[in-house]
Amino acid sequence: MKKFLSDFKAFALKGNIVDMAIGVVIGGAFGKIVTSLVNDIITPLIGLLTGNISLSELKFVLAPAVIDAVTGEVTTPELAVTYGAFLQTVIDFLIIALSIFIVMRIAMNTRKKIEDMKKKEEEAKEEEAEEEKETELSVLLEIRELLKKE
């Protein structure tokens, strides 16, 4: 148990807590954006394709609700498989996964471009330094040759 706790402590304190907190906050905000995308844009479009049927309301009724004829109250609730809610959750997951993939891909491509630019700049500086060395060397060689001639 002590080894487990020490391993957990090392794991929890290994990363930068501030970076993790920022990631959680940004992830939560991003989740809200994606949820809005799904609920406010994609779900209505799917409803349009399915004849204005809300995907989350699709269900297969196993046993209908029993209603008291006298009071009109439900005595036994409906028993149903709500597969529409499951489908909506799967669609939400796929859209979130796709959104994260796209954002990460853009971030990685941008990072790669920045690294490539830095690498090119370093190579240009190295070439410039090499040219300066060659120029200095050639001038020194010319001076040596002139001194030899004199």
Protein backbone atom coordinates (compact mmCIF):
# COMPACT_ATOMS: atom_id res chain seq x y z
CA MET A 1 0.00 0.00 0.00
CA LYS A 2 2.86 2.39 0.84
CA LYS A 3 4.52 1.67 -2.52
CA PHE A 4 1.22 2.36 -4.28
CA LEU A 5 0.81 5.69 -2.48
CA SER A 6 4.40 6.74 -3.14
CA ASP A 7 4.04 5.78 -6.82
CA PHE A 8 0.79 7.75 -7.04
CA LYS A 9 2.39 10.76 -5.34
CA ALA A 10 5.31 10.65 -7.80
CA PHE A 11 2.88 10.39 -10.70
CA ALA A 12 0.61 13.20 -9.50
CA LEU A 13 3.46 15.58 -8.75
CA LYS A 14 5.54 14.72 -11.81
CA GLY A 15 3.63 16.96 -14.21
CA ASN A 16 3.14 20.66 -14.00
CA ILE A 17 -0.11 21.19 -12.09
CA VAL A 18 -0.71 24.62 -13.63
CA ASP A 19 -0.41 23.21 -17.16
CA MET A 20 -2.83 20.43 -16.25
CA ALA A 21 -5.31 22.93 -14.77
CA ILE A 22 -5.13 25.11 -17.89
CA GLY A 23 -5.69 22.03 -20.04
CA VAL A 24 -8.76 21.05 -18.01
CA VAL A 25 -10.27 24.55 -18.23
CA ILE A 26 -9.63 24.82 -21.97
CA GLY A 27 -10.92 21.26 -22.46
CA GLY A 28 -14.13 22.13 -20.61
CA ALA A 29 -14.66 25.23 -22.73
CA PHE A 30 -13.92 23.27 -25.89
CA GLY A 31 -16.42 20.62 -24.76
CA LYS A 32 -19.10 23.31 -24.45
CA ILE A 33 -18.37 24.52 -27.97
CA VAL A 34 -18.62 21.01 -29.38
CA THR A 35 -21.79 20.31 -27.40
CA SER A 36 -23.33 23.47 -28.83
CA LEU A 37 -22.23 22.41 -32.33
CA VAL A 38 -23.94 19.06 -31.87
CA ASN A 39 -27.10 20.31 -30.15
CA ASP A 40 -27.65 23.52 -32.10
CA ILE A 41 -26.41 22.67 -35.60
CA ILE A 42 -25.93 18.96 -36.28
CA THR A 43 -28.90 17.54 -34.37
CA PRO A 44 -31.42 19.83 -36.13
CA LEU A 45 -29.91 18.83 -39.49
CA ILE A 46 -30.28 15.16 -38.58
CA GLY A 47 -33.85 15.91 -37.49
CA LEU A 48 -34.49 17.48 -40.88
CA LEU A 49 -33.21 14.34 -42.60
CA THR A 50 -35.30 12.07 -40.37
CA GLY A 51 -38.51 14.07 -40.79
CA ASN A 52 -38.21 16.30 -37.70
CA ILE A 53 -37.86 13.33 -35.38
CA SER A 54 -35.48 14.09 -32.54
CA LEU A 55 -32.78 11.44 -32.57
CA SER A 56 -32.66 11.26 -28.78
CA GLU A 57 -36.39 10.49 -28.64
CA LEU A 58 -36.16 7.33 -30.74
CA LYS A 59 -37.06 4.27 -28.70
CA PHE A 60 -38.39 0.76 -28.86
CA VAL A 61 -41.22 0.27 -26.36
CA LEU A 62 -41.08 -3.10 -24.58
CA ALA A 63 -44.06 -2.44 -22.34
CA PRO A 64 -46.31 0.61 -22.60
CA ALA A 65 -47.10 2.73 -19.57
CA VAL A 66 -50.12 1.70 -17.54
CA ILE A 67 -52.47 4.59 -16.81
CA ASP A 68 -55.16 4.49 -14.13
CA ALA A 69 -58.50 5.00 -15.93
CA VAL A 70 -60.06 6.85 -13.01
CA THR A 71 -57.29 9.27 -12.00
CA GLY A 72 -55.40 9.41 -15.29
CA GLU A 73 -52.11 8.97 -13.43
CA VAL A 74 -49.35 6.66 -14.62
CA THR A 75 -49.30 3.64 -12.34
CA THR A 76 -46.52 1.78 -14.17
CA PRO A 77 -44.04 3.73 -16.25
CA GLU A 78 -43.20 2.78 -19.79
CA LEU A 79 -40.41 0.26 -20.31
CA ALA A 80 -38.43 1.15 -23.40
CA VAL A 81 -35.04 0.77 -25.03
CA THR A 82 -34.01 4.35 -25.80
CA TYR A 83 -31.61 3.62 -28.63
CA GLY A 84 -31.94 7.18 -29.92
CA ALA A 85 -30.22 8.55 -26.82
CA PHE A 86 -27.43 6.03 -27.39
CA LEU A 87 -27.11 7.06 -31.04
CA GLN A 88 -27.00 10.73 -30.01
CA THR A 89 -24.22 9.96 -27.52
CA VAL A 90 -22.24 8.07 -30.17
CA ILE A 91 -22.63 10.98 -32.61
CA ASP A 92 -21.54 13.41 -29.87
CA PHE A 93 -18.46 11.28 -29.20
CA LEU A 94 -17.54 11.04 -32.88
CA ILE A 95 -17.89 14.79 -33.36
CA ILE A 96 -15.84 15.54 -30.24
CA ALA A 97 -13.15 13.07 -31.33
CA LEU A 98 -13.09 14.56 -34.83
CA SER A 99 -12.93 18.10 -33.45
CA ILE A 100 -10.04 17.24 -31.13
CA PHE A 101 -8.26 15.45 -33.98
CA ILE A 102 -8.62 18.48 -36.26
CA VAL A 103 -7.43 20.93 -33.59
CA MET A 104 -4.46 18.72 -32.68
CA ARG A 105 -3.57 18.24 -36.33
CA ILE A 106 -3.61 22.00 -36.93
CA ALA A 107 -1.52 22.55 -33.80
CA MET A 108 1.02 19.86 -34.78
CA ASN A 109 1.27 21.17 -38.36
CA THR A 110 1.77 24.71 -37.08
CA ARG A 111 4.41 23.51 -34.64
CA LYS A 112 6.18 21.61 -37.41
CA LYS A 113 6.15 24.67 -39.68
CA ILE A 114 7.61 26.82 -36.90
CA GLU A 115 10.31 24.24 -36.22
CA ASP A 116 11.10 24.02 -39.95
CA MET A 117 11.36 27.82 -40.17
CA LYS A 118 13.72 27.88 -37.17
CA LYS A 119 15.80 25.11 -38.71
CA LYS A 120 16.05 27.00 -42.02
CA GLU A 121 17.06 30.16 -40.18
CA GLU A 122 19.77 28.27 -38.29
CA GLU A 123 21.02 26.70 -41.53
CA ALA A 124 21.13 30.12 -43.17
CA LYS A 125 23.09 31.54 -40.23
CA GLU A 126 25.50 28.61 -40.38
CA GLU A 127 25.98 29.09 -44.14
CA GLU A 128 26.52 32.81 -43.58
CA ALA A 129 29.09 32.11 -40.88
CA GLU A 130 30.80 29.58 -43.13
CA GLU A 131 30.91 32.13 -45.96
CA GLU A 132 32.40 34.70 -43.59
CA LYS A 133 35.06 32.19 -42.54
CA GLU A 134 35.80 31.38 -46.17
CA THR A 135 36.01 35.11 -47.01
CA GLU A 136 38.36 35.75 -44.07
CA LEU A 137 40.43 32.75 -45.04
CA SER A 138 40.67 33.82 -48.65
CA VAL A 139 41.70 37.35 -47.62
CA LEU A 140 44.34 35.96 -45.29
CA LEU A 141 45.60 33.65 -48.02
CA GLU A 142 45.81 36.56 -50.43
CA ILE A 143 47.73 38.58 -47.86
CA ARG A 144 50.10 35.67 -47.33
CA GLU A 145 50.63 35.31 -51.06
CA LEU A 146 51.33 39.03 -51.37
CA LEU A 147 53.80 38.89 -48.51
CA LYS A 148 55.52 35.94 -50.10
CA LYS A 149 55.85 37.83 -53.36
CA GLU A 150 57.34 40.87 -51.66
